[in-house]
């Protein structure tokens, strides 16, 4: 009977992954908690299903009703997991379309040759299937708990950088990425989301930063946005101290990224660059960014366009840097309609590109593991940043010969 219960739990989580309810919010949150791991790791769920089913068959009479019930339920669940995996594979075409729509059909031809050569050609299938929880890489070091402000643990950051050996990092690859965690602005911490992205870029010579910031209820808007601005200012001033080998980090190339509420803050930071209202005591620091990357982010409600300064939808988007947005069409915590609205509004106002990737079958929190879906998103982010940096390089004045 225990094995029947185990198979039933996997089956229920599979159903929630395939068709998560969004309303009421409490049910959407429960759906997220029950299904988001399985939704990203169907191979692990399939292995667990096979093991539990086999154990159940071994412990029950082969012709008993319980045995046939376990077999039937396991077979139906396995079919559901195939659909979950297929949806994960569809992230590849989805992000390809998004890049072509946002950057132009010939975006690859606009890439710097060196950056184009570093783009990944194949998915790390072995890591996806056998090591989705293992993020550390031998060629990347993490320097933890560096203070950037006076709010104690809430003002600490981690730096990820390449363990450089002579010739191991190609010239010109030391851009900066600042990532902000999610948690609804009242929970969460650095070193949790988007680790496949941070380690991937650091292995390519980037200096990546994952930062804590003050949270509710002790902090209120704009406290957490001020902290984000402090992190950007810190990165411009100190990131060169952590650069790989001879590659000095370029303080002019800073991408801001975030997951969930961290994506909300990333968008706000990009839309309020150098606004002294959000930089008390460091008004003259440069907090502009080269581009923004928002993963399953909160953008506000439709009515927020007219009122809340904590909502990215409240800003018109004029002067916004390039944006990369990725959102799941099965997100039960932050409905995809808000992401669509923000992308549409930003495209109408900004002269810079907006890449919006809507991921088939993706739930909230899709950036927590090495998965078929998120690895394709990582590749798209790397392509987006390469395109943006290539354009910046072409815009620089050439020195006379």
Protein backbone atom coordinates (compact mmCIF):
# COMPACT_ATOMS: atom_id res chain seq x y z
CA UNK A 1 0.00 0.00 0.00
CA UNK A 2 2.91 2.36 0.71
CA UNK A 3 4.11 1.91 -2.86
CA UNK A 4 0.63 2.67 -4.16
CA UNK A 5 0.68 5.91 -2.18
CA UNK A 6 4.15 6.80 -3.51
CA UNK A 7 3.04 6.24 -7.11
CA UNK A 8 -0.11 8.26 -6.46
CA UNK A 9 1.95 11.20 -5.16
CA UNK A 10 4.11 11.22 -8.30
CA UNK A 11 0.95 10.98 -10.40
CA UNK A 12 -0.65 13.92 -8.58
CA UNK A 13 2.44 16.08 -8.99
CA UNK A 14 2.50 15.20 -12.68
CA UNK A 15 -1.12 16.31 -13.07
CA UNK A 16 -0.29 19.62 -11.39
CA UNK A 17 2.72 20.07 -13.67
CA UNK A 18 0.58 19.50 -16.75
CA UNK A 19 -2.35 21.70 -15.70
CA UNK A 20 -1.56 23.87 -12.67
CA UNK A 21 -4.50 25.86 -11.27
CA UNK A 22 -3.87 29.59 -10.92
CA UNK A 23 -6.83 30.63 -8.81
CA UNK A 24 -7.28 31.03 -5.94
CA UNK A 25 -3.75 32.15 -5.11
CA UNK A 26 -3.40 29.64 -2.27
CA UNK A 27 -4.16 26.79 -4.68
CA UNK A 28 -1.72 28.22 -7.21
CA UNK A 29 0.99 28.34 -4.54
CA UNK A 30 0.27 24.74 -3.55
CA UNK A 31 0.43 23.71 -7.19
CA UNK A 32 3.81 25.40 -7.52
CA UNK A 33 5.23 23.71 -4.43
CA UNK A 34 4.03 20.27 -5.53
CA UNK A 35 5.06 20.39 -9.17
CA UNK A 36 7.90 22.80 -9.97
CA UNK A 37 10.69 20.29 -9.25
CA UNK A 38 9.03 17.54 -11.27
CA UNK A 39 8.27 20.02 -14.06
CA UNK A 40 11.97 20.74 -14.50
CA UNK A 41 13.30 17.26 -13.70
CA UNK A 42 10.98 14.72 -15.36
CA UNK A 43 13.89 12.29 -15.82
CA UNK A 44 14.48 12.13 -12.07
CA UNK A 45 10.75 11.73 -11.47
CA UNK A 46 10.61 8.93 -14.04
CA UNK A 47 13.48 7.09 -12.34
CA UNK A 48 11.77 7.44 -8.97
CA UNK A 49 8.49 6.23 -10.48
CA UNK A 50 10.10 3.14 -12.00
CA UNK A 51 11.88 2.28 -8.75
CA UNK A 52 8.78 2.66 -6.58
CA UNK A 53 6.61 0.73 -9.04
CA UNK A 54 9.12 -2.10 -9.30
CA UNK A 55 9.31 -2.31 -5.52
CA UNK A 56 5.54 -2.39 -5.31
CA UNK A 57 5.29 -5.21 -7.85
CA UNK A 58 7.93 -7.18 -5.98
CA UNK A 59 6.01 -6.93 -2.71
CA UNK A 60 2.53 -7.71 -4.06
CA UNK A 61 1.00 -10.68 -5.79
CA UNK A 62 1.34 -10.25 -9.55
CA UNK A 63 -2.38 -10.85 -10.15
CA UNK A 64 -3.78 -8.80 -7.29
CA UNK A 65 -5.97 -5.72 -7.86
CA UNK A 66 -3.38 -3.59 -6.05
CA UNK A 67 -0.68 -4.69 -8.49
CA UNK A 68 -2.78 -3.83 -11.52
CA UNK A 69 -3.74 -0.51 -9.99
CA UNK A 70 -0.07 0.35 -9.45
CA UNK A 71 0.80 -0.65 -13.03
CA UNK A 72 -2.06 1.35 -14.53
CA UNK A 73 -1.33 4.45 -12.50
CA UNK A 74 2.40 4.24 -13.19
CA UNK A 75 1.82 3.85 -16.93
CA UNK A 76 -0.47 6.88 -17.04
CA UNK A 77 2.01 8.90 -14.98
CA UNK A 78 4.89 7.89 -17.26
CA UNK A 79 2.89 9.18 -20.22
CA UNK A 80 2.38 12.46 -18.40
CA UNK A 81 6.10 12.73 -17.68
CA UNK A 82 6.81 12.27 -21.39
CA UNK A 83 4.60 15.29 -22.07
CA UNK A 84 6.42 17.28 -19.36
CA UNK A 85 9.79 16.43 -20.94
CA UNK A 86 8.49 17.31 -24.41
CA UNK A 87 7.39 20.73 -23.14
CA UNK A 88 10.88 21.23 -21.73
CA UNK A 89 12.37 20.48 -25.14
CA UNK A 90 10.09 23.10 -26.70
CA UNK A 91 11.98 25.81 -24.83
CA UNK A 92 14.65 25.62 -27.54
CA UNK A 93 12.39 26.72 -30.41
CA UNK A 94 10.67 29.23 -28.10
CA UNK A 95 13.85 31.09 -27.18
CA UNK A 96 15.08 30.93 -30.79
CA UNK A 97 11.91 32.66 -31.96
CA UNK A 98 12.19 35.20 -29.17
CA UNK A 99 15.76 36.11 -30.12
CA UNK A 100 14.81 36.45 -33.80
CA UNK A 101 11.79 38.62 -32.97
CA UNK A 102 13.63 40.79 -30.47
CA UNK A 103 17.04 41.15 -32.11
CA UNK A 104 16.20 40.56 -35.77
CA UNK A 105 16.34 37.48 -37.95
CA UNK A 106 20.03 37.96 -38.71
CA UNK A 107 21.12 38.58 -35.13
CA UNK A 108 23.90 35.97 -35.29
CA UNK A 109 25.71 37.88 -38.03
CA UNK A 110 25.93 40.91 -35.75
CA UNK A 111 27.92 39.08 -33.06
CA UNK A 112 31.55 39.76 -32.34
CA UNK A 113 33.51 36.78 -33.67
CA UNK A 114 35.12 36.03 -30.31
CA UNK A 115 31.82 36.13 -28.45
CA UNK A 116 30.10 34.04 -31.10
CA UNK A 117 32.80 31.37 -30.78
CA UNK A 118 32.11 31.05 -27.05
CA UNK A 119 28.38 30.37 -27.44
CA UNK A 120 27.50 26.82 -26.49
CA UNK A 121 26.52 24.50 -29.31
CA UNK A 122 25.13 21.53 -27.35
CA UNK A 123 23.07 20.99 -24.25
CA UNK A 124 24.93 19.42 -21.28
CA UNK A 125 22.70 16.34 -21.37
CA UNK A 126 24.76 14.30 -18.91
CA UNK A 127 24.49 17.06 -16.32
CA UNK A 128 20.76 17.51 -16.99
CA UNK A 129 19.97 13.80 -16.58
CA UNK A 130 22.48 12.72 -13.92
CA UNK A 131 23.51 15.90 -12.09
CA UNK A 132 20.74 18.51 -12.17
CA UNK A 133 21.47 19.55 -8.57
CA UNK A 134 25.24 19.90 -8.97
CA UNK A 135 26.18 23.47 -9.81
CA UNK A 136 29.79 23.88 -8.79
CA UNK A 137 32.47 23.83 -11.46
CA UNK A 138 36.19 23.27 -11.03
CA UNK A 139 37.06 26.31 -13.12
CA UNK A 140 34.89 28.70 -11.06
CA UNK A 141 35.55 30.02 -7.57
CA UNK A 142 33.00 31.63 -5.27
CA UNK A 143 34.02 34.34 -2.85
CA UNK A 144 31.21 34.49 -0.30
CA UNK A 145 29.73 37.07 2.05
CA UNK A 146 31.34 40.32 0.95
CA UNK A 147 29.77 43.39 2.53
CA UNK A 148 28.49 46.16 0.26
CA UNK A 149 26.43 48.14 2.79
CA UNK A 150 25.63 48.64 6.46
CA UNK A 151 22.60 46.32 6.81
CA UNK A 152 24.52 43.28 8.06
CA UNK A 153 23.60 39.95 6.47
CA UNK A 154 21.08 41.67 4.21
CA UNK A 155 23.91 43.60 2.57
CA UNK A 156 26.19 40.70 1.69
CA UNK A 157 27.04 39.44 -1.78
CA UNK A 158 28.88 36.53 -3.37
CA UNK A 159 31.26 36.86 -6.32
CA UNK A 160 31.69 34.07 -8.90
CA UNK A 161 34.77 34.28 -11.09
CA UNK A 162 37.01 32.09 -13.21
CA UNK A 163 39.94 30.24 -11.66
CA UNK A 164 42.14 31.65 -14.37
CA UNK A 165 45.15 29.88 -15.75
CA UNK A 166 47.34 31.45 -18.45
CA UNK A 167 45.39 31.41 -21.69
CA UNK A 168 42.30 29.83 -20.12
CA UNK A 169 40.09 32.92 -20.53
CA UNK A 170 39.83 34.62 -23.89
CA UNK A 171 40.40 38.39 -23.96
CA UNK A 172 37.38 40.65 -23.72
CA UNK A 173 35.13 38.24 -21.83
CA UNK A 174 35.09 39.93 -18.39
CA UNK A 175 31.64 41.49 -18.31
CA UNK A 176 29.65 41.83 -15.07
CA UNK A 177 26.36 40.23 -14.07
CA UNK A 178 24.45 41.13 -10.90
CA UNK A 179 21.73 38.63 -9.93
CA UNK A 180 18.96 39.20 -7.38
CA UNK A 181 17.10 36.39 -5.67
CA UNK A 182 13.34 35.98 -5.44
CA UNK A 183 11.03 35.46 -2.49
CA UNK A 184 8.31 38.08 -2.75
CA UNK A 185 10.51 40.73 -1.09
CA UNK A 186 9.98 39.10 2.31
CA UNK A 187 12.11 35.93 2.08
CA UNK A 188 14.89 34.33 0.05
CA UNK A 189 18.64 34.65 -0.11
CA UNK A 190 21.57 34.74 -2.50
CA UNK A 191 23.14 31.57 -3.84
CA UNK A 192 19.81 29.92 -4.58
CA UNK A 193 18.29 30.74 -7.98
CA UNK A 194 19.89 30.86 -11.43
CA UNK A 195 23.07 29.06 -10.31
CA UNK A 196 23.45 27.29 -13.68
CA UNK A 197 23.56 30.76 -15.27
CA UNK A 198 26.03 32.21 -12.77
CA UNK A 199 28.45 29.30 -13.03
CA UNK A 200 28.15 29.14 -16.81
CA UNK A 201 28.98 32.82 -17.31
CA UNK A 202 31.74 32.77 -14.68
CA UNK A 203 33.33 29.84 -16.51
CA UNK A 204 33.43 32.09 -19.59
CA UNK A 205 35.34 34.81 -17.74
CA UNK A 206 32.46 36.92 -16.44
CA UNK A 207 32.41 38.35 -12.93
CA UNK A 208 29.02 37.32 -11.53
CA UNK A 209 27.51 38.69 -8.33
CA UNK A 210 24.63 37.25 -6.32
CA UNK A 211 23.38 39.64 -3.64
CA UNK A 212 21.15 39.77 -0.60
CA UNK A 213 19.04 42.86 0.01
CA UNK A 214 16.79 44.14 2.79
CA UNK A 215 13.37 42.48 3.01
CA UNK A 216 9.88 43.16 4.30
CA UNK A 217 8.54 43.84 6.86
CA UNK A 218 11.69 45.46 8.27
CA UNK A 219 12.28 47.19 4.93
CA UNK A 220 9.80 48.86 2.60
CA UNK A 221 10.01 50.29 -0.90
CA UNK A 222 12.36 51.82 -1.94
CA UNK A 223 14.78 50.26 0.59
CA UNK A 224 15.38 47.11 -1.46
CA UNK A 225 15.78 49.07 -4.69
CA UNK A 226 18.33 51.32 -2.97
CA UNK A 227 20.26 48.19 -1.98
CA UNK A 228 20.24 47.02 -5.60
CA UNK A 229 21.67 50.37 -6.69
CA UNK A 230 24.39 49.97 -4.04
CA UNK A 231 25.29 46.55 -5.48
CA UNK A 232 25.61 48.01 -8.99
CA UNK A 233 27.80 50.83 -7.68
CA UNK A 234 29.90 48.30 -5.73
CA UNK A 235 30.31 46.16 -8.84
CA UNK A 236 31.57 49.07 -10.91
CA UNK A 237 34.07 50.00 -8.22
CA UNK A 238 35.30 46.60 -7.02
CA UNK A 239 34.62 43.88 -9.60
CA UNK A 240 38.03 44.36 -11.23
CA UNK A 241 39.55 43.00 -8.01
CA UNK A 242 38.01 39.60 -8.82
CA UNK A 243 38.69 39.47 -12.57
CA UNK A 244 40.12 36.35 -14.12
CA UNK A 245 43.83 36.50 -14.83
CA UNK A 246 44.78 39.44 -17.03
CA UNK A 247 41.17 40.12 -18.02
CA UNK A 248 40.09 43.24 -16.16
CA UNK A 249 36.36 43.47 -15.54
CA UNK A 250 34.84 46.27 -17.59
CA UNK A 251 32.86 48.54 -15.23
CA UNK A 252 30.97 49.92 -18.23
CA UNK A 253 29.37 46.53 -19.02
CA UNK A 254 26.97 45.58 -16.24
CA UNK A 255 23.93 43.37 -16.76
CA UNK A 256 21.30 43.21 -14.04
CA UNK A 257 19.30 40.00 -13.62
CA UNK A 258 16.77 38.64 -11.20
CA UNK A 259 14.33 35.83 -10.47
CA UNK A 260 10.70 36.43 -9.45
CA UNK A 261 10.72 39.48 -7.13
CA UNK A 262 14.43 39.77 -7.94
CA UNK A 263 13.37 40.18 -11.56
CA UNK A 264 11.02 42.94 -10.44
CA UNK A 265 13.97 44.73 -8.80
CA UNK A 266 16.18 44.13 -11.84
CA UNK A 267 13.56 45.75 -14.07
CA UNK A 268 13.13 48.67 -11.66
CA UNK A 269 16.90 49.23 -11.48
CA UNK A 270 17.13 49.27 -15.26
CA UNK A 271 14.18 51.68 -15.58
CA UNK A 272 15.41 54.12 -12.91
CA UNK A 273 19.10 54.37 -13.80
CA UNK A 274 20.93 57.15 -11.94
CA UNK A 275 17.73 58.43 -10.35
CA UNK A 276 18.95 60.32 -7.24
CA UNK A 277 15.70 59.54 -5.41
CA UNK A 278 16.85 55.93 -5.16
CA UNK A 279 20.51 56.69 -4.46
CA UNK A 280 20.60 58.58 -1.15
CA UNK A 281 24.17 59.30 -0.16
CA UNK A 282 25.59 58.03 -3.45
CA UNK A 283 23.68 60.19 -5.92
CA UNK A 284 26.66 60.59 -8.25
CA UNK A 285 27.38 56.85 -8.62
CA UNK A 286 26.68 55.37 -12.04
CA UNK A 287 23.90 52.81 -11.63
CA UNK A 288 22.99 52.46 -15.29
CA UNK A 289 23.08 48.97 -16.78
CA UNK A 290 23.92 47.55 -20.17
CA UNK A 291 20.90 45.25 -20.16
CA UNK A 292 18.30 43.62 -17.91
CA UNK A 293 17.38 39.94 -17.58
CA UNK A 294 14.09 39.07 -15.85
CA UNK A 295 13.18 35.44 -15.08
CA UNK A 296 9.59 34.59 -14.05
CA UNK A 297 9.46 38.14 -12.70
CA UNK A 298 6.71 40.13 -11.05
CA UNK A 299 5.83 43.23 -13.08
CA UNK A 300 2.71 44.37 -11.21
CA UNK A 301 -0.98 44.36 -12.07
CA UNK A 302 -2.51 46.07 -15.07
CA UNK A 303 -3.75 48.97 -12.93
CA UNK A 304 -0.26 49.56 -11.55
CA UNK A 305 0.58 51.44 -14.73
CA UNK A 306 -0.94 54.52 -13.09
CA UNK A 307 0.08 54.28 -9.45
CA UNK A 308 2.72 52.06 -7.79
CA UNK A 309 6.40 53.11 -8.13
CA UNK A 310 7.35 49.59 -7.01
CA UNK A 311 5.78 48.15 -10.17
CA UNK A 312 7.79 48.05 -13.40
CA UNK A 313 4.51 48.65 -15.24
CA UNK A 314 4.35 52.12 -13.68
CA UNK A 315 7.28 53.32 -15.84
CA UNK A 316 6.91 54.28 -19.47
CA UNK A 317 10.10 52.52 -20.56
CA UNK A 318 11.56 55.47 -22.46
CA UNK A 319 15.33 55.17 -22.38
CA UNK A 320 15.24 51.57 -21.13
CA UNK A 321 18.27 49.39 -21.94
CA UNK A 322 17.87 46.10 -23.82
CA UNK A 323 15.65 43.64 -21.92
CA UNK A 324 15.49 39.84 -21.90
CA UNK A 325 12.28 38.47 -20.37
CA UNK A 326 11.47 34.78 -19.83
CA UNK A 327 8.21 33.59 -18.34
CA UNK A 328 6.38 30.27 -18.16
CA UNK A 329 2.94 29.93 -19.70
CA UNK A 330 1.96 27.65 -16.78
CA UNK A 331 3.18 29.95 -14.00
CA UNK A 332 0.67 29.57 -11.16
CA UNK A 333 2.19 32.29 -8.92
CA UNK A 334 2.71 35.15 -11.39
CA UNK A 335 0.33 34.83 -14.35
CA UNK A 336 1.96 35.08 -17.75
CA UNK A 337 -0.45 37.85 -18.81
CA UNK A 338 1.51 40.37 -16.72
CA UNK A 339 4.75 39.46 -18.50
CA UNK A 340 3.06 39.82 -21.88
CA UNK A 341 1.71 43.23 -20.89
CA UNK A 342 5.10 44.46 -19.70
CA UNK A 343 6.83 43.24 -22.87
CA UNK A 344 4.23 44.95 -25.07
CA UNK A 345 4.42 48.20 -23.12
CA UNK A 346 8.23 48.21 -23.14
CA UNK A 347 8.44 47.52 -26.87
CA UNK A 348 6.09 50.42 -27.58
CA UNK A 349 8.24 52.91 -25.65
CA UNK A 350 11.86 51.74 -25.82
CA UNK A 351 14.20 52.20 -28.76
CA UNK A 352 16.22 49.21 -27.54
CA UNK A 353 15.34 45.56 -28.21
CA UNK A 354 13.04 43.56 -25.96
CA UNK A 355 13.43 39.79 -26.14
CA UNK A 356 10.38 38.06 -24.67
CA UNK A 357 10.53 34.26 -24.41
CA UNK A 358 7.31 32.56 -23.32
CA UNK A 359 8.27 29.05 -22.23
CA UNK A 360 5.82 26.23 -23.01
CA UNK A 361 4.82 24.29 -19.91
CA UNK A 362 7.09 26.26 -17.57
CA UNK A 363 6.05 26.81 -13.97
CA UNK A 364 7.41 29.47 -11.62
CA UNK A 365 10.99 28.90 -10.46
CA UNK A 366 12.24 27.21 -13.63
CA UNK A 367 15.79 28.48 -13.01
CA UNK A 368 16.61 26.32 -9.98
CA UNK A 369 18.20 23.31 -11.74
CA UNK A 370 20.11 22.12 -14.76
CA UNK A 371 17.08 21.25 -16.88
CA UNK A 372 16.22 20.98 -20.56
CA UNK A 373 14.29 24.21 -20.26
CA UNK A 374 16.63 26.38 -18.23
CA UNK A 375 19.77 25.35 -20.08
CA UNK A 376 18.13 26.61 -23.27
CA UNK A 377 17.28 29.85 -21.46
CA UNK A 378 20.92 30.12 -20.29
CA UNK A 379 22.07 29.76 -23.91
CA UNK A 380 19.60 32.45 -24.98
CA UNK A 381 20.78 34.82 -22.25
CA UNK A 382 24.38 34.29 -23.33
CA UNK A 383 23.37 35.05 -26.93
CA UNK A 384 21.40 38.14 -25.85
CA UNK A 385 24.33 39.53 -23.85
CA UNK A 386 26.76 38.76 -26.68
CA UNK A 387 24.55 40.65 -29.14
CA UNK A 388 24.21 43.59 -26.76
CA UNK A 389 27.91 43.76 -26.05
CA UNK A 390 28.77 43.44 -29.74
CA UNK A 391 26.53 46.40 -30.50
CA UNK A 392 28.17 48.40 -27.71
CA UNK A 393 31.61 47.63 -29.13
CA UNK A 394 30.58 48.74 -32.62
CA UNK A 395 29.32 52.02 -31.16
CA UNK A 396 32.69 52.84 -29.54
CA UNK A 397 34.81 55.40 -31.40
CA UNK A 398 37.73 53.87 -33.24
CA UNK A 399 41.20 55.12 -32.46
CA UNK A 400 43.16 56.57 -35.34
CA UNK A 401 45.81 54.46 -37.02
